[in-house]
Amino acid sequence: MKKTFWVFVVVFSLLSYLFAFNVGYIELAELEPFVLTESVGSRTSNVNFTVLSKSNSEEVAIVLSGWLFDPGSENSEREVFIQLRGNGESYEKKISLMREGIYYTMNPFILSFRRGYTLVVMGLEVDYDKNRGDDAIELAFEDVSIEVEWHSDVSILLGEVNEGLFTQVSAVLEEPVLLVKGGERPTGGYNIVIDGVYLHEDRTIEVAAKLQTPGSGDFVTQAFTYPHKAIRILGLHSGNYDVSVRMEVLKDGEVIDIYEYSSCFTLYSSKN
């Protein structure tokens, strides 16, 4: 009788735990119609994701995919973990990545869980609640046509434009010009897009950019190209500013790499 009682208690406790921390996992046959707009990682591992649920929802629904770069391994599969932690609880699921050339790829899947837990995929923390905070304001900007020297490096430069010529300076007299350089590329079809420019209370200017690469079936110019984008940042007042640029590299709608750069400048202008 006692044995039966304790078995009942253990089973009841386990079921209570599982229902209290309910996690849904659905593997998708293909990624479409989803477009993964966010990413976290490096050049050796990357997780791409899109949050489907509203920011004020108690439940989180998120689509994820990813890859690992491991050219030295000969194994056809590699096991990684999905982990949720928080509130004294934890969840862990082992999934397999399949080898495709020099990469191990993760099949896309939908994950659902109650908000408030830390999500870690392949050892990378996925910030599904990421936002720019209430202190950030969106700045206006305009495209600038300039002549630039061709260089193979990916970088950012800050300066001024006079008569179509860009000059890199750290002290700017009028509106600053930001030049984002995509480096040397083997073909045409590469394009840099600025998604937004945001000013924080600490005078940090955050720039969100994308380097769009040619699609798998695109016909492109067979020559080296040097994509770049120059914008004039408007609405700033005199003072010192830090600049942070995050550029995602996209191929067929998925983030395959990320570049992050920072700089600073001083603005002298007639604005108050």
Protein backbone atom coordinates (compact mmCIF):
# COMPACT_ATOMS: atom_id res chain seq x y z
CA MET A 1 0.00 0.00 0.00
CA LYS A 2 2.80 2.40 0.94
CA LYS A 3 4.66 1.53 -2.27
CA THR A 4 1.57 2.26 -4.36
CA PHE A 5 1.09 5.57 -2.51
CA TRP A 6 4.64 6.76 -3.19
CA VAL A 7 4.47 5.73 -6.86
CA PHE A 8 1.28 7.81 -7.13
CA VAL A 9 2.98 10.80 -5.49
CA VAL A 10 6.01 10.59 -7.83
CA VAL A 11 3.84 10.27 -10.95
CA PHE A 12 1.58 13.14 -9.82
CA SER A 13 4.58 15.37 -9.11
CA LEU A 14 6.13 14.59 -12.48
CA LEU A 15 2.91 15.31 -14.34
CA SER A 16 2.45 18.57 -12.41
CA TYR A 17 5.99 19.61 -13.36
CA LEU A 18 5.46 18.81 -17.04
CA PHE A 19 2.16 20.65 -17.25
CA ALA A 20 3.54 23.64 -15.31
CA PHE A 21 6.41 23.93 -17.79
CA ASN A 22 4.71 23.11 -21.07
CA VAL A 23 6.95 23.36 -24.15
CA GLY A 24 5.79 22.79 -27.71
CA TYR A 25 8.22 21.65 -30.41
CA ILE A 26 7.14 21.16 -34.05
CA GLU A 27 9.69 20.45 -36.79
CA LEU A 28 8.82 22.03 -40.14
CA ALA A 29 9.09 20.32 -43.51
CA GLU A 30 10.31 23.59 -45.03
CA LEU A 31 10.93 27.15 -43.94
CA GLU A 32 8.44 28.86 -46.24
CA PRO A 33 6.36 30.95 -45.76
CA PHE A 34 8.45 32.16 -42.79
CA VAL A 35 11.30 34.68 -43.16
CA LEU A 36 13.85 34.61 -40.34
CA THR A 37 14.62 38.24 -39.54
CA GLU A 38 16.80 37.98 -36.42
CA SER A 39 19.99 36.09 -35.66
CA VAL A 40 22.63 35.43 -33.04
CA GLY A 41 26.03 33.81 -33.42
CA SER A 42 29.35 34.12 -35.19
CA ARG A 43 31.13 32.86 -38.28
CA THR A 44 31.25 29.31 -36.88
CA SER A 45 27.73 28.92 -35.47
CA ASN A 46 24.50 30.80 -36.03
CA VAL A 47 20.85 30.66 -35.00
CA ASN A 48 18.26 32.47 -37.11
CA PHE A 49 14.80 33.17 -35.73
CA THR A 50 11.55 35.11 -35.98
CA VAL A 51 9.16 35.69 -33.09
CA LEU A 52 5.56 35.02 -34.14
CA SER A 53 3.82 36.00 -30.89
CA LYS A 54 3.02 39.54 -29.77
CA SER A 55 5.41 41.22 -27.34
CA ASN A 56 2.72 41.43 -24.63
CA SER A 57 1.64 37.79 -24.98
CA GLU A 58 2.18 35.42 -22.05
CA GLU A 59 3.14 32.67 -24.48
CA VAL A 60 6.10 32.84 -26.86
CA ALA A 61 5.97 31.28 -30.31
CA ILE A 62 9.21 31.40 -32.28
CA VAL A 63 10.52 29.89 -35.53
CA LEU A 64 14.19 28.89 -35.48
CA SER A 65 16.82 27.44 -37.75
CA GLY A 66 20.62 27.46 -37.75
CA TRP A 67 23.96 26.01 -38.75
CA LEU A 68 27.42 25.04 -37.52
CA PHE A 69 30.59 25.47 -39.56
CA ASP A 70 32.80 22.40 -39.09
CA PRO A 71 34.81 21.50 -42.22
CA GLY A 72 37.10 19.09 -40.36
CA SER A 73 34.45 16.64 -39.15
CA GLU A 74 33.53 13.52 -41.13
CA ASN A 75 30.37 12.64 -39.17
CA SER A 76 27.07 12.81 -41.06
CA GLU A 77 25.17 14.09 -37.99
CA ARG A 78 25.89 16.19 -34.94
CA GLU A 79 23.80 16.51 -31.79
CA VAL A 80 23.03 19.86 -30.14
CA PHE A 81 20.62 21.03 -27.45
CA ILE A 82 17.65 23.35 -27.08
CA GLN A 83 17.45 24.60 -23.50
CA LEU A 84 14.98 26.70 -21.50
CA ARG A 85 15.91 27.87 -18.02
CA GLY A 86 14.29 30.05 -15.37
CA ASN A 87 12.06 30.19 -12.32
CA GLY A 88 13.85 27.17 -10.87
CA GLU A 89 12.84 25.04 -13.87
CA SER A 90 14.64 23.74 -16.92
CA TYR A 91 13.88 22.03 -20.21
CA GLU A 92 16.32 20.36 -22.55
CA LYS A 93 15.79 18.71 -25.92
CA LYS A 94 18.45 17.03 -28.03
CA ILE A 95 18.20 17.48 -31.79
CA SER A 96 20.37 16.36 -34.69
CA LEU A 97 22.01 18.55 -37.31
CA MET A 98 22.58 17.05 -40.74
CA ARG A 99 25.80 17.58 -42.65
CA GLU A 100 25.60 19.66 -45.85
CA GLY A 101 29.06 20.23 -47.31
CA ILE A 102 31.20 21.98 -44.69
CA TYR A 103 28.15 22.90 -42.56
CA TYR A 104 25.80 21.12 -40.18
CA THR A 105 22.30 22.51 -40.68
CA MET A 106 19.36 22.60 -38.29
CA ASN A 107 15.94 21.90 -39.77
CA PRO A 108 13.51 24.77 -39.06
CA PHE A 109 11.10 24.29 -36.17
CA ILE A 110 8.53 26.15 -34.10
CA LEU A 111 9.05 26.38 -30.36
CA SER A 112 6.37 27.57 -27.94
CA PHE A 113 6.69 28.20 -24.20
CA ARG A 114 5.63 30.58 -21.44
CA ARG A 115 7.41 33.93 -21.48
CA GLY A 116 10.07 34.58 -18.85
CA TYR A 117 12.52 31.76 -19.56
CA THR A 118 16.01 32.03 -21.04
CA LEU A 119 16.23 30.27 -24.41
CA VAL A 120 19.57 28.75 -25.44
CA VAL A 121 20.05 26.95 -28.78
CA MET A 122 23.40 25.34 -29.66
CA GLY A 123 24.92 27.20 -26.70
CA LEU A 124 23.74 30.58 -28.07
CA GLU A 125 21.27 32.65 -26.06
CA VAL A 126 18.32 33.70 -28.23
CA ASP A 127 17.02 37.11 -27.13
CA TYR A 128 13.37 36.74 -28.16
CA ASP A 129 12.42 39.78 -26.05
CA LYS A 130 14.98 42.04 -27.69
CA ASN A 131 13.92 45.66 -28.01
CA ARG A 132 15.64 49.00 -28.21
CA GLY A 133 14.07 50.31 -25.02
CA ASP A 134 11.84 53.29 -24.41
CA ASP A 135 14.74 55.74 -24.57
CA ALA A 136 15.50 55.23 -28.27
CA ILE A 137 14.13 57.58 -30.91
CA GLU A 138 14.26 56.96 -34.65
CA LEU A 139 16.38 59.40 -36.61
CA ALA A 140 15.75 60.54 -40.16
CA PHE A 141 18.44 59.90 -42.76
CA GLU A 142 18.95 60.31 -46.48
CA ASP A 143 21.00 58.46 -49.07
CA VAL A 144 24.13 60.19 -50.33
CA SER A 145 25.80 59.51 -53.66
CA ILE A 146 29.58 59.58 -53.26
CA GLU A 147 32.77 58.39 -54.87
CA VAL A 148 34.74 55.97 -52.73
CA GLU A 149 37.98 54.07 -53.06
CA TRP A 150 37.57 50.35 -53.55
CA HIS A 151 38.82 48.27 -50.65
CA SER A 152 38.41 44.58 -49.84
CA ASP A 153 37.61 45.10 -46.16
CA VAL A 154 34.17 45.37 -44.58
CA SER A 155 34.09 48.53 -42.46
CA ILE A 156 32.37 51.77 -41.56
CA LEU A 157 33.63 55.33 -41.91
CA LEU A 158 32.31 58.63 -40.58
CA GLY A 159 32.90 62.00 -42.12
CA GLU A 160 31.60 64.69 -44.46
CA VAL A 161 30.80 65.00 -48.17
CA ASN A 162 31.89 67.99 -50.23
CA GLU A 163 31.13 68.14 -53.95
CA GLY A 164 30.49 64.41 -54.05
CA LEU A 165 33.76 63.48 -52.36
CA PHE A 166 33.77 61.74 -49.00
CA THR A 167 36.33 62.79 -46.37
CA GLN A 168 36.79 60.79 -43.18
CA VAL A 169 36.91 63.10 -40.15
CA SER A 170 36.18 62.74 -36.44
CA ALA A 171 34.97 66.33 -36.02
CA VAL A 172 31.94 67.09 -38.23
CA LEU A 173 30.74 70.61 -38.97
CA GLU A 174 27.31 69.74 -40.42
CA GLU A 175 25.25 66.53 -40.64
CA PRO A 176 27.54 63.49 -40.35
CA VAL A 177 27.79 61.02 -43.23
CA LEU A 178 28.08 57.33 -42.44
CA LEU A 179 29.68 55.10 -45.05
CA VAL A 180 29.06 51.34 -44.74
CA LYS A 181 31.37 49.25 -46.91
CA GLY A 182 30.54 45.67 -47.83
CA GLY A 183 34.04 44.68 -48.91
CA GLU A 184 35.11 42.95 -52.08
CA ARG A 185 32.55 40.52 -53.53
CA PRO A 186 33.13 37.98 -56.32
CA THR A 187 30.09 38.96 -58.44
CA GLY A 188 27.41 41.57 -58.81
CA GLY A 189 24.04 41.34 -57.10
CA TYR A 190 25.16 42.54 -53.65
CA ASN A 191 23.29 45.45 -52.07
CA ILE A 192 23.45 47.23 -48.69
CA VAL A 193 20.20 48.43 -47.13
CA ILE A 194 19.86 50.64 -44.04
CA ASP A 195 16.79 49.51 -42.07
CA GLY A 196 16.87 52.22 -39.40
CA VAL A 197 18.90 54.70 -37.36
CA TYR A 198 18.15 55.10 -33.64
CA LEU A 199 19.43 57.54 -31.02
CA HIS A 200 19.64 56.51 -27.36
CA GLU A 201 19.74 58.80 -24.32
CA ASP A 202 23.44 58.06 -23.80
CA ARG A 203 24.14 59.58 -27.26
CA THR A 204 24.74 56.22 -28.88
CA ILE A 205 23.54 56.01 -32.47
CA GLU A 206 22.45 52.50 -33.41
CA VAL A 207 22.33 51.62 -37.11
CA ALA A 208 20.61 48.47 -38.41
CA ALA A 209 21.84 47.40 -41.85
CA LYS A 210 21.61 44.42 -44.19
CA LEU A 211 23.94 43.17 -46.90
CA GLN A 212 21.74 41.37 -49.38
CA THR A 213 23.56 38.71 -51.40
CA PRO A 214 22.49 37.26 -54.77
CA GLY A 215 19.81 34.58 -54.63
CA SER A 216 20.60 31.00 -55.56
CA GLY A 217 19.03 31.36 -59.01
CA ASP A 218 19.98 34.98 -59.77
CA PHE A 219 21.97 35.91 -62.87
CA VAL A 220 24.68 38.37 -61.85
CA THR A 221 27.67 40.20 -63.29
CA GLN A 222 30.76 37.99 -63.24
CA ALA A 223 33.17 40.57 -61.91
CA PHE A 224 34.41 41.79 -58.54
CA THR A 225 32.15 44.40 -56.97
CA TYR A 226 32.41 46.62 -53.89
CA PRO A 227 28.95 47.29 -52.43
CA HIS A 228 28.60 50.31 -50.18
CA LYS A 229 25.96 52.63 -48.79
CA ALA A 230 26.35 56.21 -47.60
CA ILE A 231 23.72 58.03 -45.56
CA ARG A 232 23.50 61.49 -44.04
CA ILE A 233 22.15 61.33 -40.47
CA LEU A 234 19.71 64.16 -39.78
CA GLY A 235 18.31 65.83 -36.67
CA LEU A 236 21.37 65.71 -34.40
CA HIS A 237 22.53 68.46 -32.07
CA SER A 238 26.11 69.40 -31.33
CA GLY A 239 28.05 67.07 -29.04
CA ASN A 240 29.93 63.79 -28.85
CA TYR A 241 28.36 60.61 -30.25
CA ASP A 242 29.16 56.91 -30.33
CA VAL A 243 28.03 54.90 -33.36
CA SER A 244 27.21 51.21 -33.42
CA VAL A 245 26.48 49.44 -36.72
CA ARG A 246 25.12 45.90 -36.98
CA MET A 247 25.00 44.52 -40.52
CA GLU A 248 23.37 41.18 -41.22
CA VAL A 249 24.35 39.28 -44.36
CA LEU A 250 21.30 37.67 -45.98
CA LYS A 251 21.07 34.92 -48.57
CA ASP A 252 17.68 33.66 -49.75
CA GLY A 253 16.04 35.38 -46.79
CA GLU A 254 18.26 33.82 -44.09
CA VAL A 255 21.02 35.47 -42.08
CA ILE A 256 24.33 33.77 -42.87
CA ASP A 257 26.74 36.18 -41.20
CA ILE A 258 26.84 39.30 -39.02
CA TYR A 259 29.25 42.23 -38.93
CA GLU A 260 29.37 44.64 -36.00
CA TYR A 261 31.38 47.87 -35.94
CA SER A 262 31.63 50.93 -33.73
CA SER A 263 33.07 54.42 -34.04
CA CYS A 264 32.61 57.90 -32.64
CA PHE A 265 32.55 61.54 -33.75
CA THR A 266 31.99 65.08 -32.51
CA LEU A 267 29.38 67.27 -34.17
CA TYR A 268 29.75 71.04 -34.34
CA SER A 269 26.62 72.62 -35.77
CA SER A 270 24.35 75.63 -35.53
CA LYS A 271 21.59 73.59 -33.86
CA ASN A 272 20.94 74.19 -30.18
